[in-house]
Amino acid sequence: DSDPLEVLEHASREMLEVAHGATDQKVECVGGGDLIHMDIPRPKLLIGEDAQDKARLLAEGQLMLFSGPPKLGKSLLVAEAMVSLAAGDLAWLGFQIHGPVRVGVVEAEGGLDLVQDWLRAMAADLPREAINRIRIPKTLPKIDLTRPRSVMLLRRFIETEELKVLALDPFFRLHRAEENDNREMSDVMAALEELRAQTAVAMMLVHHTAWATQENTKGRSSVRSRGASVIAADADTLATFDYPEEDDEESAFYLYFDIRRGPKPPNLLVLRDAHLRHHPTAMGQKKADEKEIAVARKSKGGALTLKQVKILLAKGPRTL
């Protein structure tokens, strides 16, 4: 940790420089015409298609926020992403994975036994070498992102394990700030941004919305990240979960993506099978096909309903 006296001296010196207009910091510029032809390095893509007309879901140094009501399976979807990234040759929700890479999981709610459960369900048939690229700290103290020591420990974890992606789950257990206060949450998000800038690690953050009520269980407009607006505003990619309108079982949910840069992927109906693997199906922009969810075409020429799809999935994993 920095010496408090040194920090105070540095801050005082900056204040004096600003007061007297004596700062020696220079502002360097580039012309717009030169910028057009400049070769600017792009962050390495981790999830998505490396093309201008395709969705780039996650690249090094970026933040992906998973937001939605509790008990819809946000953690399981992130867990499957970790397995896919570590294995390197498994698609995730139909999106291309650029791996294999080393990934870290900080599970602040369930502990090692929870991680063990989903690893056994999702990855038992994969090579141990591949799954060992998923790094789970055994001795990491409780993280509080409002404290510099916790941020330093996370940085040490990222650098020591050479992580390319870090999953933090759930967000509200990793800080003591007031989530409805933009000023307090700005400090927390700034700490995560600094970590990404220092290490180039990409982050997946699991964040709960408020508990659903009878009035707000339907439709995307009702799904809002709990807490200050700065949380969602800082995300490069926002993945929003919602309840399916014709089925309230936990094995199905709607998923919407918002991306800061590039084209937006289609809305998805996602079904989870007994092996905790997820099967996506593109949906209409306004869920126009809810009466007959068009997930596959069969010999009769009609679309399968959600109930019929679940019967098919119960017979074994498959991509619809």
Protein backbone atom coordinates (compact mmCIF):
# COMPACT_ATOMS: atom_id res chain seq x y z
CA ASP A 1 0.00 0.00 0.00
CA SER A 2 1.12 3.58 -0.67
CA ASP A 3 2.48 5.72 2.15
CA PRO A 4 -0.37 8.06 3.24
CA LEU A 5 2.09 10.93 3.63
CA GLU A 6 3.36 10.46 0.08
CA VAL A 7 -0.20 10.40 -1.26
CA LEU A 8 -1.04 13.59 0.64
CA GLU A 9 2.14 15.31 -0.56
CA HIS A 10 1.41 14.34 -4.17
CA ALA A 11 -2.18 15.61 -3.93
CA SER A 12 -1.04 18.89 -2.38
CA ARG A 13 1.55 19.40 -5.12
CA GLU A 14 -1.08 18.83 -7.81
CA MET A 15 -3.44 21.31 -6.18
CA LEU A 16 -0.70 23.96 -6.08
CA GLU A 17 0.21 23.37 -9.73
CA VAL A 18 -3.40 23.73 -10.84
CA ALA A 19 -3.89 26.85 -8.70
CA HIS A 20 -0.85 28.55 -10.28
CA GLY A 21 -1.40 27.19 -13.78
CA ALA A 22 2.04 25.63 -13.61
CA THR A 23 1.24 22.08 -14.65
CA ASP A 24 3.70 20.72 -17.20
CA GLN A 25 1.30 18.08 -18.54
CA LYS A 26 0.89 18.37 -22.31
CA VAL A 27 -2.10 17.44 -24.47
CA GLU A 28 -1.10 15.57 -27.61
CA CYS A 29 -3.49 15.53 -30.56
CA VAL A 30 -3.95 13.71 -33.84
CA GLY A 31 -5.64 15.05 -36.94
CA GLY A 32 -8.91 13.50 -38.06
CA GLY A 33 -7.50 12.73 -41.49
CA ASP A 34 -4.47 11.00 -39.98
CA LEU A 35 -6.69 9.08 -37.60
CA ILE A 36 -8.68 7.61 -40.50
CA HIS A 37 -5.53 5.98 -41.87
CA MET A 38 -3.92 5.12 -38.53
CA ASP A 39 -3.42 1.45 -37.63
CA ILE A 40 -4.76 1.25 -34.07
CA PRO A 41 -4.28 -2.05 -32.21
CA ARG A 42 -7.61 -3.60 -31.20
CA PRO A 43 -8.15 -5.63 -28.02
CA LYS A 44 -7.99 -9.36 -28.64
CA LEU A 45 -11.47 -10.78 -29.17
CA LEU A 46 -12.56 -13.50 -26.74
CA ILE A 47 -16.24 -14.09 -27.58
CA GLY A 48 -17.95 -13.21 -30.85
CA GLU A 49 -17.14 -12.77 -34.51
CA ASP A 50 -14.14 -10.70 -35.62
CA ALA A 51 -15.93 -8.85 -38.42
CA GLN A 52 -17.53 -5.41 -38.69
CA ASP A 53 -20.99 -6.79 -39.38
CA LYS A 54 -20.86 -9.35 -36.55
CA ALA A 55 -21.30 -9.05 -32.80
CA ARG A 56 -18.15 -8.71 -30.66
CA LEU A 57 -19.43 -9.73 -27.24
CA LEU A 58 -16.23 -9.60 -25.20
CA ALA A 59 -12.62 -8.59 -25.80
CA GLU A 60 -9.61 -8.19 -23.52
CA GLY A 61 -10.03 -5.34 -21.04
CA GLN A 62 -13.80 -5.16 -21.47
CA LEU A 63 -16.69 -5.60 -19.02
CA MET A 64 -19.71 -7.82 -19.64
CA LEU A 65 -22.60 -7.37 -17.20
CA PHE A 66 -25.18 -10.13 -16.67
CA SER A 67 -28.31 -8.55 -15.23
CA GLY A 68 -31.66 -10.08 -14.34
CA PRO A 69 -34.00 -11.39 -11.63
CA PRO A 70 -32.68 -13.91 -9.10
CA LYS A 71 -32.89 -17.67 -9.75
CA LEU A 72 -32.92 -17.45 -13.55
CA GLY A 73 -29.48 -19.01 -13.89
CA LYS A 74 -27.15 -16.09 -14.59
CA SER A 75 -24.36 -17.82 -12.68
CA LEU A 76 -24.78 -21.05 -14.65
CA LEU A 77 -24.62 -19.19 -17.96
CA VAL A 78 -21.40 -17.45 -16.88
CA ALA A 79 -20.04 -20.79 -15.65
CA GLU A 80 -20.63 -22.33 -19.07
CA ALA A 81 -18.81 -19.39 -20.65
CA MET A 82 -15.83 -20.10 -18.37
CA VAL A 83 -15.79 -23.75 -19.43
CA SER A 84 -16.02 -22.82 -23.11
CA LEU A 85 -13.20 -20.28 -22.84
CA ALA A 86 -10.97 -22.73 -20.97
CA ALA A 87 -11.65 -25.55 -23.42
CA GLY A 88 -11.25 -23.23 -26.38
CA ASP A 89 -13.23 -25.28 -28.89
CA LEU A 90 -16.77 -25.05 -27.52
CA ALA A 91 -19.22 -22.45 -28.82
CA TRP A 92 -21.15 -20.47 -26.20
CA LEU A 93 -24.76 -19.59 -27.04
CA GLY A 94 -23.79 -20.04 -30.66
CA PHE A 95 -21.03 -17.41 -30.44
CA GLN A 96 -17.46 -18.20 -31.43
CA ILE A 97 -14.93 -18.67 -28.62
CA HIS A 98 -11.36 -17.46 -29.17
CA GLY A 99 -9.34 -19.64 -26.87
CA PRO A 100 -8.23 -21.55 -25.00
CA VAL A 101 -7.45 -18.98 -22.30
CA ARG A 102 -6.97 -19.03 -18.55
CA VAL A 103 -10.00 -17.77 -16.65
CA GLY A 104 -10.68 -17.04 -12.98
CA VAL A 105 -13.85 -17.43 -10.93
CA VAL A 106 -14.52 -15.51 -7.71
CA GLU A 107 -17.67 -17.12 -6.29
CA ALA A 108 -18.74 -14.98 -3.33
CA GLU A 109 -22.00 -16.73 -2.52
CA GLY A 110 -21.77 -20.50 -2.95
CA GLY A 111 -18.13 -21.34 -2.32
CA LEU A 112 -15.95 -24.12 -3.71
CA ASP A 113 -18.64 -26.79 -3.38
CA LEU A 114 -20.96 -24.85 -5.71
CA VAL A 115 -18.20 -24.45 -8.31
CA GLN A 116 -17.45 -28.17 -7.97
CA ASP A 117 -21.10 -29.01 -8.66
CA TRP A 118 -21.30 -27.09 -11.93
CA LEU A 119 -17.87 -28.27 -13.06
CA ARG A 120 -18.93 -31.89 -12.54
CA ALA A 121 -22.13 -31.30 -14.49
CA MET A 122 -20.64 -29.31 -17.37
CA ALA A 123 -17.05 -30.43 -17.72
CA ALA A 124 -16.57 -33.94 -16.37
CA ASP A 125 -16.06 -35.29 -19.91
CA LEU A 126 -13.43 -32.69 -20.85
CA PRO A 127 -9.64 -33.12 -20.46
CA ARG A 128 -8.35 -32.19 -17.01
CA GLU A 129 -5.66 -30.01 -18.59
CA ALA A 130 -8.34 -27.88 -20.23
CA ILE A 131 -10.48 -27.48 -17.12
CA ASN A 132 -7.41 -26.65 -15.03
CA ARG A 133 -7.32 -23.40 -17.00
CA ILE A 134 -10.27 -22.41 -14.79
CA ARG A 135 -8.64 -20.99 -11.67
CA ILE A 136 -10.61 -20.82 -8.42
CA PRO A 137 -8.95 -19.21 -5.39
CA LYS A 138 -9.05 -21.36 -2.25
CA THR A 139 -7.66 -18.80 0.20
CA LEU A 140 -8.77 -15.42 -1.15
CA PRO A 141 -10.09 -13.29 1.75
CA LYS A 142 -13.51 -11.69 1.48
CA ILE A 143 -13.41 -9.10 -1.28
CA ASP A 144 -14.57 -5.53 -0.70
CA LEU A 145 -13.98 -3.40 -3.78
CA THR A 146 -14.24 -0.23 -1.69
CA ARG A 147 -10.92 -1.17 -0.04
CA PRO A 148 -7.57 -0.82 -1.86
CA ARG A 149 -6.25 -4.01 -0.25
CA SER A 150 -9.01 -6.10 -1.85
CA VAL A 151 -8.37 -4.53 -5.25
CA MET A 152 -4.66 -5.28 -4.83
CA LEU A 153 -5.43 -8.93 -3.99
CA LEU A 154 -7.59 -9.28 -7.09
CA ARG A 155 -4.80 -7.81 -9.20
CA ARG A 156 -2.33 -10.28 -7.70
CA PHE A 157 -4.72 -13.15 -8.47
CA ILE A 158 -5.12 -11.97 -12.09
CA GLU A 159 -1.40 -11.49 -12.67
CA THR A 160 -0.15 -14.57 -10.83
CA GLU A 161 -2.58 -16.88 -12.64
CA GLU A 162 -2.16 -15.03 -15.99
CA LEU A 163 -5.92 -14.68 -16.38
CA LYS A 164 -7.56 -13.39 -19.54
CA VAL A 165 -11.12 -13.42 -18.11
CA LEU A 166 -12.36 -12.96 -14.53
CA ALA A 167 -15.90 -13.82 -13.41
CA LEU A 168 -17.21 -12.03 -10.30
CA ASP A 169 -20.39 -13.51 -8.82
CA PRO A 170 -22.53 -11.99 -7.38
CA PHE A 171 -21.55 -8.33 -7.57
CA PHE A 172 -23.46 -7.14 -4.50
CA ARG A 173 -21.39 -9.40 -2.21
CA LEU A 174 -18.11 -7.93 -3.44
CA HIS A 175 -18.47 -4.38 -2.08
CA ARG A 176 -19.98 -2.41 0.80
CA ALA A 177 -21.07 0.62 -1.20
CA GLU A 178 -24.67 1.80 -1.35
CA GLU A 179 -25.85 0.42 -4.70
CA ASN A 180 -28.36 3.24 -5.25
CA ASP A 181 -25.72 5.94 -4.81
CA ASN A 182 -24.05 6.83 -8.11
CA ARG A 183 -21.12 8.50 -6.36
CA GLU A 184 -20.29 5.47 -4.21
CA MET A 185 -20.80 3.02 -7.07
CA SER A 186 -18.66 5.18 -9.37
CA ASP A 187 -15.73 4.49 -7.05
CA VAL A 188 -16.41 0.73 -7.17
CA MET A 189 -16.73 0.70 -10.96
CA ALA A 190 -13.59 2.85 -11.23
CA ALA A 191 -11.68 0.23 -9.23
CA LEU A 192 -12.79 -2.48 -11.68
CA GLU A 193 -11.93 -0.26 -14.64
CA GLU A 194 -8.44 0.36 -13.24
CA LEU A 195 -7.94 -3.38 -12.77
CA ARG A 196 -8.87 -3.99 -16.39
CA ALA A 197 -6.56 -1.20 -17.56
CA GLN A 198 -3.65 -2.55 -15.52
CA THR A 199 -4.02 -6.21 -16.47
CA ALA A 200 -6.06 -6.24 -19.75
CA VAL A 201 -8.31 -8.84 -18.12
CA ALA A 202 -11.89 -9.07 -19.37
CA MET A 203 -14.56 -9.28 -16.68
CA MET A 204 -17.94 -10.98 -16.41
CA LEU A 205 -20.02 -9.46 -13.65
CA VAL A 206 -23.20 -11.12 -12.32
CA HIS A 207 -25.66 -8.52 -11.08
CA HIS A 208 -29.21 -9.02 -9.77
CA THR A 209 -32.19 -6.87 -10.65
CA ALA A 210 -34.91 -6.32 -8.08
CA TRP A 211 -37.22 -9.21 -7.20
CA ALA A 212 -40.01 -9.51 -9.71
CA THR A 213 -43.59 -8.59 -8.85
CA GLN A 214 -46.86 -9.35 -10.61
CA GLU A 215 -46.59 -6.02 -12.42
CA ASN A 216 -43.00 -6.32 -13.62
CA THR A 217 -42.46 -9.92 -14.62
CA LYS A 218 -43.37 -9.40 -18.27
CA GLY A 219 -41.40 -7.64 -20.94
CA ARG A 220 -37.93 -6.30 -21.32
CA SER A 221 -38.85 -2.76 -20.28
CA SER A 222 -39.43 -4.00 -16.73
CA VAL A 223 -35.95 -5.49 -16.43
CA ARG A 224 -33.58 -2.97 -14.92
CA SER A 225 -30.26 -3.41 -13.15
CA ARG A 226 -30.67 -2.87 -9.43
CA GLY A 227 -28.85 0.15 -8.07
CA ALA A 228 -27.05 3.12 -9.58
CA SER A 229 -27.15 3.70 -13.32
CA VAL A 230 -23.35 3.82 -13.47
CA ILE A 231 -23.23 0.02 -13.07
CA ALA A 232 -24.87 -0.70 -16.42
CA ALA A 233 -23.35 2.38 -18.05
CA ASP A 234 -19.82 1.06 -17.47
CA ALA A 235 -20.49 -2.24 -19.27
CA ASP A 236 -19.24 -2.79 -22.81
CA THR A 237 -21.81 -5.57 -23.20
CA LEU A 238 -25.04 -5.86 -21.22
CA ALA A 239 -26.78 -9.24 -21.14
CA THR A 240 -30.28 -8.86 -19.70
CA PHE A 241 -32.35 -11.84 -18.52
CA ASP A 242 -36.14 -11.97 -18.42
CA TYR A 243 -38.82 -14.53 -17.55
CA PRO A 244 -40.48 -16.39 -20.43
CA GLU A 245 -44.11 -15.33 -20.70
CA GLU A 246 -45.63 -18.73 -21.32
CA ASP A 247 -43.56 -20.75 -18.86
CA ASP A 248 -42.23 -19.83 -15.45
CA GLU A 249 -39.87 -22.77 -15.01
CA GLU A 250 -36.26 -21.97 -14.17
CA SER A 251 -34.91 -23.98 -17.12
CA ALA A 252 -35.87 -21.32 -19.68
CA PHE A 253 -35.30 -17.57 -19.99
CA TYR A 254 -35.11 -14.76 -22.51
CA LEU A 255 -31.74 -13.10 -23.10
CA TYR A 256 -31.19 -9.66 -24.67
CA PHE A 257 -27.84 -8.12 -25.55
CA ASP A 258 -26.84 -4.46 -25.76
CA ILE A 259 -23.35 -3.75 -27.10
CA ARG A 260 -21.45 -0.50 -26.89
CA ARG A 261 -19.80 -1.08 -30.26
CA GLY A 262 -20.88 -3.12 -33.23
CA PRO A 263 -24.17 -4.74 -34.28
CA LYS A 264 -26.58 -6.09 -31.71
CA PRO A 265 -27.08 -9.88 -31.61
CA PRO A 266 -30.64 -11.24 -31.93
CA ASN A 267 -32.75 -11.75 -28.83
CA LEU A 268 -32.60 -15.32 -27.60
CA LEU A 269 -34.84 -17.85 -25.92
CA VAL A 270 -32.41 -20.00 -23.92
CA LEU A 271 -33.20 -23.47 -22.61
CA ARG A 272 -31.06 -25.26 -20.02
CA ASP A 273 -30.80 -29.06 -20.11
CA ALA A 274 -30.05 -31.56 -17.35
CA HIS A 275 -26.31 -31.17 -18.00
CA LEU A 276 -26.58 -27.42 -17.30
CA ARG A 277 -25.80 -26.66 -20.94
CA HIS A 278 -27.67 -23.91 -22.72
CA HIS A 279 -29.45 -24.09 -26.06
CA PRO A 280 -30.24 -20.72 -27.71
CA THR A 281 -32.90 -19.93 -30.28
CA ALA A 282 -33.22 -16.57 -32.02
CA MET A 283 -36.41 -14.71 -31.13
CA GLY A 284 -38.30 -11.88 -32.82
CA GLN A 285 -37.48 -8.35 -31.71
CA LYS A 286 -40.84 -8.04 -29.95
CA LYS A 287 -41.39 -11.69 -29.08
CA ALA A 288 -43.93 -11.82 -31.92
CA ASP A 289 -43.63 -15.60 -32.06
CA GLU A 290 -44.54 -16.28 -28.42
CA LYS A 291 -47.73 -18.10 -29.34
CA GLU A 292 -45.68 -20.64 -31.33
CA ILE A 293 -41.99 -20.39 -30.46
CA ALA A 294 -40.21 -21.19 -33.71
CA VAL A 295 -37.21 -23.11 -32.40
CA ALA A 296 -37.18 -25.93 -34.99
CA ARG A 297 -39.06 -27.19 -38.00
CA LYS A 298 -40.35 -30.72 -38.04
CA SER A 299 -41.99 -32.96 -40.62
CA LYS A 300 -45.44 -31.55 -39.89
CA GLY A 301 -44.21 -28.13 -40.90
CA GLY A 302 -45.19 -26.43 -37.65
CA ALA A 303 -43.00 -24.74 -35.04
CA LEU A 304 -42.39 -26.42 -31.72
CA THR A 305 -43.85 -24.91 -28.58
CA LEU A 306 -41.67 -24.33 -25.52
CA LYS A 307 -43.16 -27.40 -23.85
CA GLN A 308 -42.33 -29.58 -26.86
CA VAL A 309 -38.78 -28.30 -26.94
CA LYS A 310 -38.28 -29.26 -23.30
CA ILE A 311 -39.48 -32.79 -24.05
CA LEU A 312 -36.87 -33.03 -26.80
CA LEU A 313 -34.12 -31.65 -24.59
CA ALA A 314 -34.93 -34.15 -21.86
CA LYS A 315 -33.84 -36.89 -24.29
CA GLY A 316 -30.30 -35.52 -24.37
CA PRO A 317 -28.21 -32.42 -25.13
CA ARG A 318 -28.53 -31.01 -28.63
CA THR A 319 -28.21 -27.70 -30.42
CA LEU A 320 -31.54 -26.45 -31.68
